Amino acid sequence: MADQPKIPRSGFSTLAVHGGEAREKAFFSLTDPIVCAATYSFENTQAVIDFIEQDQPRGEYGRYGNPNEMVVEQKLAALEGGESAILFSTGMSAFVCFLMAKLAAGDEIIFFDECYRRSRDFCQTDLAKFGVVTRQVPTGDFAAMEAAITPRTKLLISESPTNPHLSVIDLDQFAALGKKHQIETMIDATLATPYNLQPLAAGVDYVLHSVTKYLAGHNDLLAGALVGSAAGLASTRTLRGIIGVINSAHNCYLLQRGLKTFPLRMERHNANGQAIAEFLASHPAVAKVYYPGLPSHPQHELACRTMRGFGGLVTFELKNPDWKAAAAVCDAAKLFRIAPSLGGVESLIEQPLVISYFKMTPEQRRQYRIPDNMIRISCGIEDAEDLIADLRQALAAAEMG
């Protein structure tokens, strides 16, 4: 692979465009050509031996990756300020593969309790079958996390901000706790993105992203990624090659193209999220708004100190406690579309009770702090004034209905 240009770390948009890419590409193309190949040939037997002994960065077999994937991985590592990145077919496959590579029977992991539902499900249900113990402690309670550590604890895991409550974690404390006890740490920074938050710079060992969201940004592909040290991710990369949870060359091409405008999109997501959070906080039908950019947020000062912006995800609760009132708001929206996921150019709206927790009992929903009247919106890159007007009419229509 050709030498990469030396890109200044301070120029985030420059990194997004040029990071990870060779200056001169195949066929003199300005963009990386899509390489559709299930297998890769060698000139002779010695070339195979050289590839193995020298660990050359080239294709061998499609299950282990492809040239387009290598470029995207290098770009993601550059954006995150990490040594190495691994691309996966989805964010959940990245999470599952990482834990399966790192853990063995009898090991323990500790989670903060505000987390993506499927991450919790995998740990409590599937990992438990293999003898791995998952302990959950209140989000942001580092004393409780430290008290839960045992000689068998192998990983400390959190999100920041969390989904859907948007709690912000003190990454310095999180990383310091891991180092104090010689336990590796991992942050799911999907909601923050490397544009708004740099966990590795705070001393966290690994960063997880559902690349499907802001990094890809167009609601048209699935992908996940892990960023960290090459040595620390080596076992995960090996297991990914065995399982084959990879992306196609076409997906990698779409992702690489999307990443080039990622900082521009995040500026609009941040601006729209802030504007809409402020609008909702002043609306008479709204009881509570979860958004780190608001002074009312419990970790607002921490968020301002550690984050560049606060993203496009806004969660709020209506004053009306009936779940049907929240459903009416979602149904009345015109620009916002009812759908799961977040981080795309189109704005989305959902009721966590219905989308993610409908089959749980009321007691379980209370345990995870998911009230019936909660609404989560993902602000896209449309004009903020149009999105606010849409929410204003949706809230009014729901009240009249």
Protein backbone atom coordinates (compact mmCIF):
# COMPACT_ATOMS: atom_id res chain seq x y z
CA MET A 1 0.00 0.00 0.00
CA ALA A 2 1.34 3.45 -0.91
CA ASP A 3 2.61 5.85 1.76
CA GLN A 4 -0.06 7.98 3.38
CA PRO A 5 0.32 11.77 3.50
CA LYS A 6 1.21 13.37 6.82
CA ILE A 7 -2.04 15.04 7.84
CA PRO A 8 -2.05 17.57 10.73
CA ARG A 9 -3.94 16.12 13.70
CA SER A 10 -5.56 19.49 14.40
CA GLY A 11 -7.33 19.67 11.06
CA PHE A 12 -10.35 17.44 11.63
CA SER A 13 -12.03 18.14 8.29
CA THR A 14 -8.70 17.62 6.54
CA LEU A 15 -8.37 14.26 8.30
CA ALA A 16 -11.89 13.31 7.24
CA VAL A 17 -11.06 13.96 3.57
CA HIS A 18 -7.47 12.71 3.37
CA GLY A 19 -6.79 10.60 6.47
CA GLY A 20 -6.00 6.94 5.83
CA GLU A 21 -5.78 7.38 2.06
CA ALA A 22 -2.77 6.93 -0.21
CA ARG A 23 -1.87 10.05 -2.16
CA GLU A 24 -1.54 8.12 -5.42
CA LYS A 25 -4.21 5.48 -5.94
CA ALA A 26 -4.67 2.66 -8.42
CA PHE A 27 -5.31 3.75 -12.03
CA PHE A 28 -4.45 7.35 -10.97
CA SER A 29 -8.00 7.66 -9.60
CA LEU A 30 -8.67 10.50 -7.17
CA THR A 31 -11.00 8.23 -5.21
CA ASP A 32 -10.23 4.66 -4.16
CA PRO A 33 -11.58 2.20 -6.74
CA ILE A 34 -14.04 -0.44 -5.47
CA VAL A 35 -12.24 -3.78 -5.33
CA CYS A 36 -14.72 -6.63 -5.80
CA ALA A 37 -12.71 -9.75 -5.02
CA ALA A 38 -13.40 -12.82 -2.91
CA THR A 39 -9.76 -13.91 -3.06
CA TYR A 40 -6.37 -12.42 -3.96
CA SER A 41 -3.57 -14.07 -5.94
CA PHE A 42 0.18 -14.29 -5.28
CA GLU A 43 2.90 -14.15 -7.91
CA ASN A 44 4.68 -17.23 -6.53
CA THR A 45 5.19 -19.32 -3.40
CA GLN A 46 7.84 -16.97 -2.04
CA ALA A 47 5.31 -14.13 -2.23
CA VAL A 48 3.00 -16.14 0.02
CA ILE A 49 5.81 -16.78 2.47
CA ASP A 50 6.77 -13.09 2.48
CA PHE A 51 3.15 -12.14 3.10
CA ILE A 52 2.99 -14.44 6.15
CA GLU A 53 6.40 -13.70 7.62
CA GLN A 54 6.28 -9.95 7.06
CA ASP A 55 2.58 -9.54 7.90
CA GLN A 56 2.15 -7.50 4.73
CA PRO A 57 -0.92 -5.20 4.50
CA ARG A 58 -2.46 -6.77 1.40
CA GLY A 59 -5.43 -8.94 0.49
CA GLU A 60 -5.43 -12.72 0.94
CA TYR A 61 -9.03 -13.90 1.28
CA GLY A 62 -12.18 -11.80 1.39
CA ARG A 63 -13.25 -12.93 4.85
CA TYR A 64 -10.17 -11.22 6.31
CA GLY A 65 -10.98 -7.90 4.66
CA ASN A 66 -10.48 -6.00 1.42
CA PRO A 67 -8.51 -2.94 0.20
CA ASN A 68 -11.50 -0.60 0.57
CA GLU A 69 -11.93 -1.74 4.15
CA MET A 70 -8.26 -1.07 4.94
CA VAL A 71 -8.60 2.55 3.82
CA VAL A 72 -11.73 3.10 5.91
CA GLU A 73 -10.10 1.53 8.96
CA GLN A 74 -7.10 3.84 8.62
CA LYS A 75 -9.40 6.86 8.24
CA LEU A 76 -11.42 5.91 11.33
CA ALA A 77 -8.23 5.42 13.35
CA ALA A 78 -7.00 8.85 12.22
CA LEU A 79 -10.27 10.55 13.19
CA GLU A 80 -10.28 8.87 16.60
CA GLY A 81 -6.58 9.48 17.23
CA GLY A 82 -5.97 5.74 17.62
CA GLU A 83 -3.30 3.39 16.36
CA SER A 84 -5.64 0.84 14.78
CA ALA A 85 -9.28 0.35 13.82
CA ILE A 86 -11.31 -2.71 12.88
CA LEU A 87 -14.42 -2.42 10.71
CA PHE A 88 -17.37 -4.77 11.21
CA SER A 89 -20.68 -5.51 9.53
CA THR A 90 -22.63 -3.79 12.35
CA GLY A 91 -22.04 -2.06 15.66
CA MET A 92 -23.41 -5.06 17.54
CA SER A 93 -21.09 -7.46 15.69
CA ALA A 94 -18.17 -5.24 16.77
CA PHE A 95 -19.37 -5.34 20.38
CA VAL A 96 -20.01 -9.09 20.40
CA CYS A 97 -16.75 -9.99 18.65
CA PHE A 98 -14.73 -7.78 21.00
CA LEU A 99 -16.20 -9.37 24.13
CA MET A 100 -15.90 -12.90 22.78
CA ALA A 101 -12.23 -12.28 21.97
CA LYS A 102 -11.44 -10.69 25.32
CA LEU A 103 -13.36 -12.89 27.77
CA ALA A 104 -13.30 -16.46 29.02
CA ALA A 105 -15.46 -18.52 31.40
CA GLY A 106 -15.32 -17.10 34.90
CA ASP A 107 -14.42 -13.56 33.79
CA GLU A 108 -16.51 -10.58 34.89
CA ILE A 109 -17.41 -7.26 33.26
CA ILE A 110 -18.93 -4.15 34.78
CA PHE A 111 -21.43 -1.92 32.98
CA PHE A 112 -23.01 1.37 33.85
CA ASP A 113 -26.73 0.61 33.76
CA GLU A 114 -27.73 3.15 31.11
CA CYS A 115 -26.81 1.33 27.94
CA TYR A 116 -28.08 0.09 24.61
CA ARG A 117 -30.68 -2.59 25.27
CA ARG A 118 -29.16 -5.18 22.93
CA SER A 119 -25.71 -4.77 24.52
CA ARG A 120 -27.27 -5.53 27.91
CA ASP A 121 -29.23 -8.47 26.46
CA PHE A 122 -26.13 -10.05 24.95
CA CYS A 123 -24.13 -9.78 28.15
CA GLN A 124 -26.84 -10.93 30.54
CA THR A 125 -28.23 -13.71 28.35
CA ASP A 126 -25.67 -14.95 25.84
CA LEU A 127 -22.38 -14.30 27.61
CA ALA A 128 -23.87 -15.82 30.76
CA LYS A 129 -24.18 -19.15 28.91
CA PHE A 130 -20.38 -19.21 28.64
CA GLY A 131 -19.83 -18.44 32.32
CA VAL A 132 -19.15 -14.70 32.01
CA VAL A 133 -20.66 -12.57 34.79
CA THR A 134 -22.06 -9.10 34.05
CA ARG A 135 -22.42 -6.60 36.87
CA GLN A 136 -24.36 -3.35 36.46
CA VAL A 137 -23.94 -0.27 38.60
CA PRO A 138 -25.67 3.14 38.51
CA THR A 139 -24.45 5.28 35.65
CA GLY A 140 -21.67 7.65 36.63
CA ASP A 141 -21.28 6.15 40.11
CA PHE A 142 -17.55 5.41 40.14
CA ALA A 143 -17.58 4.38 43.80
CA ALA A 144 -20.15 1.69 42.97
CA MET A 145 -18.13 0.62 39.93
CA GLU A 146 -14.96 0.31 41.98
CA ALA A 147 -16.80 -1.61 44.70
CA ALA A 148 -18.03 -4.10 42.09
CA ILE A 149 -14.48 -4.89 40.89
CA THR A 150 -13.20 -8.36 41.78
CA PRO A 151 -10.01 -10.24 40.82
CA ARG A 152 -12.02 -11.70 37.92
CA THR A 153 -13.03 -8.33 36.43
CA LYS A 154 -11.62 -7.97 32.91
CA LEU A 155 -13.48 -5.02 31.37
CA LEU A 156 -15.17 -1.78 32.40
CA ILE A 157 -17.76 -0.70 29.82
CA SER A 158 -19.83 2.43 29.35
CA GLU A 159 -21.48 4.66 26.80
CA SER A 160 -21.00 8.41 26.67
CA PRO A 161 -23.41 9.99 26.15
CA THR A 162 -25.80 7.18 27.06
CA ASN A 163 -28.83 6.15 25.04
CA PRO A 164 -31.55 7.43 25.45
CA HIS A 165 -30.87 9.38 28.66
CA LEU A 166 -27.81 11.23 27.30
CA SER A 167 -25.84 11.02 30.54
CA VAL A 168 -22.20 12.09 30.12
CA ILE A 169 -19.40 10.07 31.71
CA ASP A 170 -16.25 11.59 33.21
CA LEU A 171 -13.76 9.79 30.96
CA ASP A 172 -10.75 10.84 33.03
CA GLN A 173 -12.24 9.11 36.08
CA PHE A 174 -13.31 6.11 34.01
CA ALA A 175 -9.86 5.62 32.50
CA ALA A 176 -8.10 6.24 35.82
CA LEU A 177 -10.23 3.60 37.54
CA GLY A 178 -9.28 1.04 34.92
CA LYS A 179 -5.59 1.86 35.16
CA LYS A 180 -5.67 1.78 38.96
CA HIS A 181 -6.92 -1.81 38.89
CA GLN A 182 -5.14 -2.80 35.64
CA ILE A 183 -8.49 -3.44 33.91
CA GLU A 184 -9.13 -2.48 30.29
CA THR A 185 -11.80 0.12 29.54
CA MET A 186 -14.14 0.53 26.59
CA ILE A 187 -16.45 3.41 25.69
CA ASP A 188 -19.30 3.24 23.19
CA ALA A 189 -19.06 6.76 21.78
CA THR A 190 -21.63 6.31 19.00
CA LEU A 191 -23.73 9.26 20.15
CA ALA A 192 -20.71 11.53 20.59
CA THR A 193 -18.67 10.53 17.51
CA PRO A 194 -14.94 11.35 17.30
CA TYR A 195 -15.92 14.88 16.26
CA ASN A 196 -17.46 15.65 19.66
CA LEU A 197 -15.48 13.37 21.98
CA GLN A 198 -12.01 11.75 22.04
CA PRO A 199 -12.06 8.92 24.63
CA LEU A 200 -8.60 7.58 23.69
CA ALA A 201 -7.04 10.95 24.48
CA ALA A 202 -8.53 10.65 27.99
CA GLY A 203 -6.81 7.30 28.47
CA VAL A 204 -9.67 4.94 27.60
CA ASP A 205 -8.34 1.77 25.95
CA TYR A 206 -11.00 1.12 23.28
CA VAL A 207 -13.73 3.09 21.52
CA LEU A 208 -16.75 1.43 19.94
CA HIS A 209 -18.93 2.99 17.23
CA SER A 210 -22.08 1.95 15.51
CA VAL A 211 -20.80 3.40 12.24
CA THR A 212 -24.33 3.02 10.86
CA LYS A 213 -25.19 6.23 12.69
CA TYR A 214 -23.34 9.54 12.37
CA LEU A 215 -20.14 8.25 10.79
CA ALA A 216 -21.91 6.78 7.75
CA GLY A 217 -24.63 9.37 8.17
CA HIS A 218 -27.09 8.59 5.38
CA ASN A 219 -29.30 5.77 6.73
CA ASP A 220 -28.18 3.56 3.85
CA LEU A 221 -25.64 1.13 5.30
CA LEU A 222 -24.79 -0.90 8.40
CA ALA A 223 -21.30 -0.99 9.93
CA GLY A 224 -19.47 -0.98 13.25
CA ALA A 225 -15.94 -0.19 14.36
CA LEU A 226 -13.49 -0.57 17.22
CA VAL A 227 -10.49 1.73 17.68
CA GLY A 228 -7.53 1.19 19.99
CA SER A 229 -3.99 -0.14 20.00
CA ALA A 230 -3.00 -2.71 17.38
CA ALA A 231 -1.80 -5.12 20.07
CA GLY A 232 -4.95 -4.74 22.15
CA LEU A 233 -7.20 -5.36 19.14
CA ALA A 234 -5.17 -8.23 17.67
CA SER A 235 -7.31 -11.04 19.14
CA THR A 236 -10.49 -9.27 18.04
CA ARG A 237 -9.19 -8.87 14.49
CA THR A 238 -8.30 -12.58 14.38
CA LEU A 239 -11.76 -13.59 15.61
CA ARG A 240 -13.44 -11.27 13.09
CA GLY A 241 -11.56 -13.08 10.33
CA ILE A 242 -12.82 -16.42 11.63
CA ILE A 243 -16.44 -15.31 12.03
CA GLY A 244 -16.47 -13.17 8.90
CA VAL A 245 -18.50 -10.22 10.19
CA ILE A 246 -17.09 -7.93 7.50
CA ASN A 247 -18.39 -5.33 5.09
CA SER A 248 -18.62 -5.55 1.32
CA ALA A 249 -16.39 -3.40 -0.86
CA HIS A 250 -19.44 -1.40 -1.97
CA ASN A 251 -20.40 -0.69 1.66
CA CYS A 252 -16.85 0.44 2.39
CA TYR A 253 -16.97 2.75 -0.61
CA LEU A 254 -20.21 4.36 0.63
CA LEU A 255 -18.76 4.71 4.11
CA GLN A 256 -15.53 6.28 2.86
CA ARG A 257 -17.52 8.76 0.82
CA GLY A 258 -19.76 9.57 3.78
CA LEU A 259 -16.81 10.14 6.10
CA LYS A 260 -15.45 12.91 3.88
CA THR A 261 -18.42 15.14 4.82
CA PHE A 262 -18.73 13.82 8.38
CA PRO A 263 -17.44 16.98 10.16
CA LEU A 264 -19.73 19.21 8.11
CA ARG A 265 -22.72 17.04 8.94
CA MET A 266 -21.83 16.97 12.65
CA GLU A 267 -21.75 20.75 12.78
CA ARG A 268 -25.36 20.79 11.57
CA HIS A 269 -26.41 17.89 13.83
CA ASN A 270 -24.93 19.75 16.81
CA ALA A 271 -26.60 23.03 15.88
CA ASN A 272 -29.98 21.42 15.23
CA GLY A 273 -29.84 19.36 18.41
CA GLN A 274 -29.09 22.43 20.52
CA ALA A 275 -31.80 24.54 18.88
CA ILE A 276 -34.47 21.86 19.23
CA ALA A 277 -33.51 21.05 22.82
CA GLU A 278 -33.88 24.72 23.73
CA PHE A 279 -37.24 24.88 21.97
CA LEU A 280 -38.54 21.79 23.76
CA ALA A 281 -37.27 23.01 27.15
CA SER A 282 -39.47 26.11 26.79
CA HIS A 283 -42.58 24.32 25.50
CA PRO A 284 -45.53 24.14 27.94
CA ALA A 285 -46.37 20.54 26.99
CA VAL A 286 -42.87 19.25 27.80
CA ALA A 287 -41.95 18.17 31.33
CA LYS A 288 -38.27 17.29 30.89
CA VAL A 289 -35.57 17.44 28.22
CA TYR A 290 -32.44 15.26 28.21
CA TYR A 291 -29.66 17.06 26.33
CA PRO A 292 -26.08 17.77 27.51
CA GLY A 293 -26.12 21.21 25.88
CA LEU A 294 -28.79 22.50 28.27
CA PRO A 295 -27.76 24.10 31.60
CA SER A 296 -30.41 21.93 33.27
CA HIS A 297 -28.55 18.74 32.31
CA PRO A 298 -26.84 17.15 35.36
CA GLN A 299 -23.50 16.84 33.54
CA HIS A 300 -23.72 20.08 31.53
CA GLU A 301 -20.46 21.49 32.94
CA LEU A 302 -18.62 18.22 32.26
CA ALA A 303 -20.05 18.07 28.74
CA CYS A 304 -18.99 21.66 28.00
CA ARG A 305 -15.50 20.91 29.29
CA THR A 306 -14.95 17.66 27.40
CA MET A 307 -17.12 17.76 24.27
CA ARG A 308 -16.93 19.89 21.12
CA GLY A 309 -20.71 19.66 20.61
CA PHE A 310 -23.62 17.63 21.92
CA GLY A 311 -25.01 15.83 18.88
CA GLY A 312 -28.41 15.59 17.27
CA LEU A 313 -30.11 13.19 19.68
CA VAL A 314 -32.67 14.79 22.01
CA THR A 315 -34.89 12.90 24.44
CA PHE A 316 -37.86 14.48 26.22
CA GLU A 317 -40.87 13.63 28.35
CA LEU A 318 -44.34 15.10 27.98
CA LYS A 319 -46.31 16.47 30.92
CA ASN A 320 -49.11 14.12 29.88
CA PRO A 321 -48.08 10.72 31.36
CA ASP A 322 -50.21 8.64 28.96
CA TRP A 323 -48.20 6.71 26.37
CA LYS A 324 -50.88 7.48 23.81
CA ALA A 325 -50.09 11.20 24.07
CA ALA A 326 -46.47 10.50 23.11
CA ALA A 327 -47.66 8.26 20.30
CA ALA A 328 -49.89 11.07 19.04
CA VAL A 329 -46.92 13.46 18.85
CA CYS A 330 -44.93 10.92 16.84
CA ASP A 331 -47.88 10.28 14.54
CA ALA A 332 -48.52 14.00 13.95
CA ALA A 333 -44.96 14.79 12.87
CA LYS A 334 -44.51 15.50 9.15
CA LEU A 335 -40.77 15.94 8.63
CA PHE A 336 -39.70 13.60 11.41
CA ARG A 337 -40.20 9.98 10.38
CA ILE A 338 -41.03 7.21 12.85
CA ALA A 339 -38.04 4.85 12.77
CA PRO A 340 -35.31 3.41 14.99
CA SER A 341 -31.65 4.43 14.66
CA LEU A 342 -30.15 7.90 14.61
CA GLY A 343 -27.39 10.02 13.10
CA GLY A 344 -28.57 10.16 9.51
CA VAL A 345 -29.32 13.20 7.40
CA GLU A 346 -33.07 12.61 7.81
CA SER A 347 -34.70 13.48 11.14
CA LEU A 348 -36.34 10.60 13.01
CA ILE A 349 -38.72 10.31 15.95
CA GLU A 350 -39.60 7.36 18.15
CA GLN A 351 -41.21 6.37 21.41
CA PRO A 352 -38.72 4.14 23.32
CA LEU A 353 -41.62 2.34 25.02
CA VAL A 354 -42.90 1.16 21.64
CA ILE A 355 -39.71 0.81 19.57
CA SER A 356 -37.44 -0.87 22.11
CA TYR A 357 -39.24 -1.78 25.33
CA PHE A 358 -42.76 -2.75 24.29
CA LYS A 359 -42.43 -6.40 25.37
CA MET A 360 -41.03 -5.52 28.78
CA THR A 361 -43.16 -5.29 31.89
CA PRO A 362 -43.89 -1.88 33.47
CA GLU A 363 -41.57 -2.89 36.32
CA GLN A 364 -38.71 -3.57 33.89
CA ARG A 365 -39.27 -0.26 32.13
CA ARG A 366 -39.18 1.55 35.47
CA GLN A 367 -35.94 -0.25 36.29
CA TYR A 368 -34.36 1.08 33.11
CA ARG A 369 -36.01 4.51 33.55
CA ILE A 370 -38.10 4.37 30.38
CA PRO A 371 -41.35 6.22 31.14
CA ASP A 372 -44.40 5.82 28.92
CA ASN A 373 -44.35 9.49 27.88
CA MET A 374 -40.72 9.54 26.70
CA ILE A 375 -39.93 10.56 23.09
CA ARG A 376 -36.52 10.35 21.41
CA ILE A 377 -35.73 12.39 18.33
CA SER A 378 -32.70 12.27 16.05
CA CYS A 379 -32.17 15.65 14.41
CA GLY A 380 -30.94 15.39 10.85
CA ILE A 381 -29.40 18.16 8.78
CA GLU A 382 -32.61 19.88 7.66
CA ASP A 383 -33.16 23.55 8.55
CA ALA A 384 -33.68 23.91 12.28
CA GLU A 385 -36.57 26.30 11.77
CA ASP A 386 -38.46 23.67 9.77
CA LEU A 387 -37.83 20.96 12.35
CA ILE A 388 -38.98 23.22 15.18
CA ALA A 389 -42.12 24.17 13.24
CA ASP A 390 -42.87 20.48 12.69
CA LEU A 391 -42.48 19.68 16.39
CA ARG A 392 -44.59 22.70 17.35
CA GLN A 393 -47.49 21.55 15.17
CA ALA A 394 -47.09 17.92 16.29
CA LEU A 395 -47.26 18.89 19.96
CA ALA A 396 -50.27 21.13 19.27
CA ALA A 397 -52.05 18.44 17.23
CA ALA A 398 -51.51 15.89 19.98
CA GLU A 399 -52.93 18.23 22.62
CA MET A 400 -56.03 18.95 20.51
CA GLY A 401 -56.46 15.25 19.73
